[in-house]
Structures are given as structure tokens and as C-alpha cells.
Amino acid sequence: MYNMYYKNGVYITPNVVVKGDDASVTYKGILSDSGAHSVYMHVGYGDNWENTKDIKMQKTEEGFEANLPISDDKPLKLAFKDCADNWDNNGGRNYTFEIQSRL
């Protein structure tokens, strides 16, 4: 599990995220700790948040989880929101993961 943001409760697997593969994102951050009943993952690529979409995460014993097809090789940007529109965007820095190209 990629633990760059483990203190914030954000995990991504596999450790090396590759364009064309799927990644699994687990969220057990401040929204989960605050009792959110549902969490959405806001996804985009690059500094300008290109190709954005919102994915509803599934509540599990670990927090909230979602699978994410990696469709770009620009850095993956994530933020999370609950149904009351409260956001966890890492204090405005977002959660950013580098994407590797397939060899």
C-alpha cells in the first residue's frame, strides 16, 4: 500500500500506479472519522485537474474504498467530499500521486 498520505488516512495500491491499470483507493480520513455516511472521490489529472470525475466510494470496515482506472500519465489528483459537501483536500494541497508509463 502506498503510504505517502497514511497520516491523512489516504492509501492507494499498487505501490507503483501505472497508466492503463486500475488502482484501489482507501479513504479513512477526517470525513470518515467525522461519521460521514457517504464519501465521493474527486479525481483529476495534472496541475489543471483535467478529465475530472466524482466516484462514490463504498463504505467498508476499512473506511471507504473505490477502484479507479488510471487513464492518464499526468499526476493523479484526489480530493474527497461527503454528502454535506464537506471537503478533505489535504489542506488545499490535494492528494497527488505520480503515474508511471508502461514499459
N, C-alpha and C. Protein backbone atom coordinates (compact mmCIF):
# COMPACT_ATOMS: atom_id res chain seq x y z
N MET A 1 0.85 -1.18 0.00
CA MET A 1 0.00 0.00 0.00
C MET A 1 0.89 1.24 0.00
N TYR A 2 0.60 2.18 -0.87
CA TYR A 2 1.39 3.40 -0.98
C TYR A 2 1.00 4.32 0.17
N ASN A 3 1.93 4.58 1.09
CA ASN A 3 1.59 5.25 2.34
C ASN A 3 2.04 6.71 2.42
N MET A 4 2.15 7.39 1.30
CA MET A 4 2.59 8.78 1.32
C MET A 4 1.68 9.66 2.19
N TYR A 5 0.40 9.36 2.20
CA TYR A 5 -0.57 10.15 2.95
C TYR A 5 -1.22 9.34 4.07
N TYR A 6 -0.50 8.37 4.62
CA TYR A 6 -1.11 7.49 5.62
C TYR A 6 -1.58 8.27 6.84
N LYS A 7 -0.91 9.34 7.22
CA LYS A 7 -1.34 10.12 8.39
C LYS A 7 -2.68 10.80 8.13
N ASN A 8 -3.02 11.01 6.86
CA ASN A 8 -4.30 11.61 6.49
C ASN A 8 -5.37 10.56 6.22
N GLY A 9 -4.99 9.27 6.26
CA GLY A 9 -5.95 8.21 6.01
C GLY A 9 -6.24 7.95 4.55
N VAL A 10 -5.29 8.25 3.66
CA VAL A 10 -5.47 8.03 2.22
C VAL A 10 -4.40 7.04 1.76
N TYR A 11 -4.86 5.93 1.17
CA TYR A 11 -3.96 4.87 0.72
C TYR A 11 -4.31 4.51 -0.72
N ILE A 12 -3.29 4.20 -1.51
CA ILE A 12 -3.51 3.76 -2.88
C ILE A 12 -2.65 2.52 -3.13
N THR A 13 -3.23 1.54 -3.81
CA THR A 13 -2.49 0.35 -4.22
C THR A 13 -2.75 0.14 -5.70
N PRO A 14 -1.79 -0.36 -6.44
CA PRO A 14 -0.49 -0.86 -6.02
C PRO A 14 0.46 0.29 -5.68
N ASN A 15 1.65 -0.07 -5.20
CA ASN A 15 2.64 0.94 -4.82
C ASN A 15 3.06 1.79 -6.01
N VAL A 16 3.17 1.20 -7.17
CA VAL A 16 3.51 1.93 -8.40
C VAL A 16 2.25 1.97 -9.26
N VAL A 17 1.72 3.16 -9.47
CA VAL A 17 0.49 3.34 -10.23
C VAL A 17 0.87 3.55 -11.70
N VAL A 18 0.28 2.72 -12.58
CA VAL A 18 0.66 2.71 -13.99
C VAL A 18 -0.55 3.06 -14.87
N LYS A 19 -0.33 3.93 -15.85
CA LYS A 19 -1.38 4.27 -16.81
C LYS A 19 -1.88 2.99 -17.49
N GLY A 20 -3.20 2.85 -17.55
CA GLY A 20 -3.82 1.68 -18.16
C GLY A 20 -4.21 0.61 -17.16
N ASP A 21 -3.70 0.71 -15.94
CA ASP A 21 -4.06 -0.24 -14.88
C ASP A 21 -5.15 0.36 -14.00
N ASP A 22 -5.65 -0.45 -13.08
CA ASP A 22 -6.58 0.01 -12.05
C ASP A 22 -5.83 0.20 -10.75
N ALA A 23 -6.23 1.19 -9.99
CA ALA A 23 -5.70 1.41 -8.65
C ALA A 23 -6.86 1.30 -7.67
N SER A 24 -6.55 0.91 -6.46
CA SER A 24 -7.53 0.85 -5.39
C SER A 24 -7.21 1.96 -4.39
N VAL A 25 -8.21 2.77 -4.08
CA VAL A 25 -8.03 3.88 -3.14
C VAL A 25 -8.86 3.59 -1.90
N THR A 26 -8.22 3.69 -0.75
CA THR A 26 -8.90 3.56 0.54
C THR A 26 -8.82 4.90 1.25
N TYR A 27 -9.98 5.35 1.76
CA TYR A 27 -10.05 6.62 2.46
C TYR A 27 -10.61 6.39 3.85
N LYS A 28 -9.83 6.77 4.86
CA LYS A 28 -10.31 6.77 6.24
C LYS A 28 -9.79 8.02 6.94
N GLY A 29 -10.01 9.13 6.26
CA GLY A 29 -9.55 10.43 6.74
C GLY A 29 -10.58 11.14 7.59
N ILE A 30 -10.47 12.45 7.65
CA ILE A 30 -11.27 13.27 8.55
C ILE A 30 -12.77 13.15 8.30
N LEU A 31 -13.19 13.00 7.05
CA LEU A 31 -14.62 12.86 6.76
C LEU A 31 -15.14 11.55 7.32
N SER A 32 -14.38 10.49 7.15
CA SER A 32 -14.75 9.18 7.69
C SER A 32 -14.77 9.24 9.22
N ASP A 33 -13.75 9.85 9.79
CA ASP A 33 -13.67 9.97 11.26
C ASP A 33 -14.80 10.82 11.82
N SER A 34 -15.34 11.73 11.02
CA SER A 34 -16.43 12.61 11.46
C SER A 34 -17.80 11.97 11.29
N GLY A 35 -17.84 10.72 10.82
CA GLY A 35 -19.10 10.00 10.72
C GLY A 35 -19.83 10.12 9.40
N ALA A 36 -19.14 10.47 8.34
CA ALA A 36 -19.78 10.58 7.02
C ALA A 36 -20.41 9.25 6.63
N HIS A 37 -21.63 9.31 6.10
CA HIS A 37 -22.32 8.11 5.64
C HIS A 37 -21.94 7.76 4.21
N SER A 38 -21.50 8.75 3.46
CA SER A 38 -21.04 8.51 2.10
C SER A 38 -19.90 9.48 1.80
N VAL A 39 -18.97 9.00 0.98
CA VAL A 39 -17.82 9.81 0.58
C VAL A 39 -17.64 9.66 -0.93
N TYR A 40 -17.35 10.77 -1.58
CA TYR A 40 -17.08 10.79 -3.02
C TYR A 40 -15.62 11.18 -3.23
N MET A 41 -14.98 10.51 -4.15
CA MET A 41 -13.60 10.81 -4.51
C MET A 41 -13.63 11.68 -5.76
N HIS A 42 -13.09 12.89 -5.67
CA HIS A 42 -12.98 13.80 -6.80
C HIS A 42 -11.62 13.54 -7.44
N VAL A 43 -11.63 13.19 -8.73
CA VAL A 43 -10.44 12.71 -9.43
C VAL A 43 -10.13 13.62 -10.61
N GLY A 44 -8.86 13.93 -10.81
CA GLY A 44 -8.41 14.67 -11.98
C GLY A 44 -6.95 14.37 -12.23
N TYR A 45 -6.44 14.88 -13.35
CA TYR A 45 -5.05 14.64 -13.73
C TYR A 45 -4.35 15.96 -14.04
N GLY A 46 -3.11 16.07 -13.62
CA GLY A 46 -2.30 17.25 -13.91
C GLY A 46 -2.63 18.43 -13.02
N ASP A 47 -1.84 19.47 -13.16
CA ASP A 47 -2.00 20.66 -12.32
C ASP A 47 -3.33 21.36 -12.53
N ASN A 48 -3.95 21.18 -13.70
CA ASN A 48 -5.21 21.86 -14.01
C ASN A 48 -6.44 20.98 -13.81
N TRP A 49 -6.28 19.85 -13.12
CA TRP A 49 -7.41 18.95 -12.84
C TRP A 49 -8.16 18.60 -14.13
N GLU A 50 -7.47 18.02 -15.09
CA GLU A 50 -8.09 17.62 -16.35
C GLU A 50 -8.86 16.31 -16.17
N ASN A 51 -9.88 16.11 -17.01
CA ASN A 51 -10.68 14.88 -17.03
C ASN A 51 -11.25 14.54 -15.66
N THR A 52 -11.85 15.53 -15.00
CA THR A 52 -12.36 15.31 -13.64
C THR A 52 -13.61 14.45 -13.64
N LYS A 53 -13.77 13.73 -12.55
CA LYS A 53 -14.98 12.96 -12.29
C LYS A 53 -15.08 12.71 -10.80
N ASP A 54 -16.29 12.45 -10.35
CA ASP A 54 -16.55 12.09 -8.96
C ASP A 54 -16.97 10.64 -8.91
N ILE A 55 -16.38 9.89 -8.00
CA ILE A 55 -16.67 8.47 -7.84
C ILE A 55 -17.17 8.24 -6.43
N LYS A 56 -18.36 7.65 -6.32
CA LYS A 56 -18.88 7.31 -4.99
C LYS A 56 -18.10 6.11 -4.46
N MET A 57 -17.60 6.25 -3.25
CA MET A 57 -16.81 5.19 -2.64
C MET A 57 -17.74 4.28 -1.84
N GLN A 58 -17.34 3.03 -1.69
CA GLN A 58 -18.11 2.04 -0.94
C GLN A 58 -17.63 2.03 0.50
N LYS A 59 -18.57 2.06 1.44
CA LYS A 59 -18.21 2.00 2.85
C LYS A 59 -17.82 0.57 3.20
N THR A 60 -16.68 0.40 3.86
CA THR A 60 -16.18 -0.91 4.27
C THR A 60 -15.71 -0.83 5.71
N GLU A 61 -15.24 -1.94 6.23
CA GLU A 61 -14.68 -1.94 7.58
C GLU A 61 -13.42 -1.09 7.66
N GLU A 62 -12.75 -0.91 6.54
CA GLU A 62 -11.51 -0.13 6.49
C GLU A 62 -11.76 1.36 6.31
N GLY A 63 -12.99 1.77 6.05
CA GLY A 63 -13.32 3.17 5.77
C GLY A 63 -14.16 3.23 4.51
N PHE A 64 -13.65 3.86 3.47
CA PHE A 64 -14.32 3.93 2.17
C PHE A 64 -13.32 3.50 1.11
N GLU A 65 -13.80 2.74 0.11
CA GLU A 65 -12.91 2.22 -0.92
C GLU A 65 -13.52 2.40 -2.30
N ALA A 66 -12.64 2.55 -3.29
CA ALA A 66 -13.08 2.63 -4.69
C ALA A 66 -11.94 2.18 -5.58
N ASN A 67 -12.31 1.57 -6.70
CA ASN A 67 -11.34 1.23 -7.74
C ASN A 67 -11.34 2.36 -8.76
N LEU A 68 -10.17 2.63 -9.30
CA LEU A 68 -10.01 3.75 -10.20
C LEU A 68 -9.17 3.33 -11.40
N PRO A 69 -9.76 3.32 -12.61
CA PRO A 69 -8.95 3.07 -13.80
C PRO A 69 -8.04 4.28 -14.05
N ILE A 70 -6.77 4.02 -14.23
CA ILE A 70 -5.80 5.10 -14.45
C ILE A 70 -5.71 5.36 -15.95
N SER A 71 -6.25 6.51 -16.38
CA SER A 71 -6.40 6.78 -17.81
C SER A 71 -5.44 7.83 -18.36
N ASP A 72 -4.53 8.32 -17.53
CA ASP A 72 -3.63 9.38 -17.99
C ASP A 72 -2.28 9.17 -17.33
N ASP A 73 -1.24 9.76 -17.92
CA ASP A 73 0.08 9.64 -17.30
C ASP A 73 0.50 10.91 -16.57
N LYS A 74 -0.39 11.90 -16.53
CA LYS A 74 -0.13 13.09 -15.72
C LYS A 74 -0.39 12.75 -14.25
N PRO A 75 0.17 13.52 -13.31
CA PRO A 75 -0.05 13.22 -11.90
C PRO A 75 -1.54 13.13 -11.55
N LEU A 76 -1.88 12.11 -10.79
CA LEU A 76 -3.25 11.89 -10.33
C LEU A 76 -3.52 12.79 -9.14
N LYS A 77 -4.61 13.54 -9.21
CA LYS A 77 -5.02 14.42 -8.12
C LYS A 77 -6.31 13.88 -7.52
N LEU A 78 -6.37 13.82 -6.19
CA LEU A 78 -7.56 13.36 -5.48
C LEU A 78 -7.94 14.35 -4.40
N ALA A 79 -9.24 14.47 -4.18
CA ALA A 79 -9.81 15.16 -3.03
C ALA A 79 -11.08 14.37 -2.69
N PHE A 80 -11.58 14.56 -1.49
CA PHE A 80 -12.73 13.78 -1.03
C PHE A 80 -13.79 14.72 -0.47
N LYS A 81 -15.06 14.36 -0.69
CA LYS A 81 -16.15 15.15 -0.13
C LYS A 81 -17.23 14.22 0.37
N ASP A 82 -17.99 14.70 1.35
CA ASP A 82 -19.12 13.90 1.85
C ASP A 82 -20.42 14.45 1.27
N CYS A 83 -21.55 13.85 1.65
CA CYS A 83 -22.84 14.25 1.08
C CYS A 83 -23.28 15.63 1.55
N ALA A 84 -22.66 16.18 2.61
CA ALA A 84 -22.96 17.53 3.07
C ALA A 84 -22.02 18.56 2.44
N ASP A 85 -21.23 18.14 1.45
CA ASP A 85 -20.29 18.98 0.73
C ASP A 85 -19.14 19.49 1.59
N ASN A 86 -18.77 18.72 2.62
CA ASN A 86 -17.54 18.97 3.38
C ASN A 86 -16.40 18.32 2.61
N TRP A 87 -15.29 19.01 2.50
CA TRP A 87 -14.17 18.53 1.68
C TRP A 87 -12.95 18.19 2.52
N ASP A 88 -12.22 17.19 2.08
CA ASP A 88 -10.87 16.90 2.56
C ASP A 88 -9.97 16.97 1.33
N ASN A 89 -9.26 18.07 1.21
CA ASN A 89 -8.35 18.26 0.07
C ASN A 89 -6.91 18.47 0.55
N ASN A 90 -6.60 17.84 1.68
CA ASN A 90 -5.23 17.89 2.22
C ASN A 90 -4.80 19.33 2.48
N GLY A 91 -5.70 20.09 3.10
CA GLY A 91 -5.37 21.47 3.44
C GLY A 91 -5.12 22.35 2.23
N GLY A 92 -5.82 22.05 1.12
CA GLY A 92 -5.68 22.83 -0.11
C GLY A 92 -4.57 22.33 -1.02
N ARG A 93 -3.82 21.32 -0.59
CA ARG A 93 -2.71 20.79 -1.40
C ARG A 93 -3.13 19.59 -2.24
N ASN A 94 -4.32 19.04 -1.96
CA ASN A 94 -4.83 17.85 -2.64
C ASN A 94 -3.93 16.65 -2.37
N TYR A 95 -4.37 15.50 -2.80
CA TYR A 95 -3.59 14.26 -2.68
C TYR A 95 -3.10 13.93 -4.08
N THR A 96 -1.79 13.96 -4.28
CA THR A 96 -1.20 13.83 -5.60
C THR A 96 -0.32 12.58 -5.67
N PHE A 97 -0.50 11.80 -6.73
CA PHE A 97 0.26 10.58 -6.94
C PHE A 97 0.84 10.59 -8.34
N GLU A 98 2.12 10.28 -8.46
CA GLU A 98 2.77 10.19 -9.76
C GLU A 98 2.30 8.93 -10.49
N ILE A 99 2.15 9.04 -11.80
CA ILE A 99 1.73 7.92 -12.64
C ILE A 99 2.92 7.50 -13.49
N GLN A 100 3.15 6.21 -13.55
CA GLN A 100 4.24 5.66 -14.37
C GLN A 100 3.67 5.20 -15.72
N SER A 101 4.47 5.31 -16.74
CA SER A 101 4.09 4.77 -18.05
C SER A 101 4.48 3.31 -18.10
N ARG A 102 3.71 2.54 -18.84
CA ARG A 102 4.03 1.12 -19.00
C ARG A 102 5.32 0.99 -19.80
N LEU A 103 6.17 0.09 -19.36
CA LEU A 103 7.46 -0.13 -20.06
C LEU A 103 7.26 -0.81 -21.38
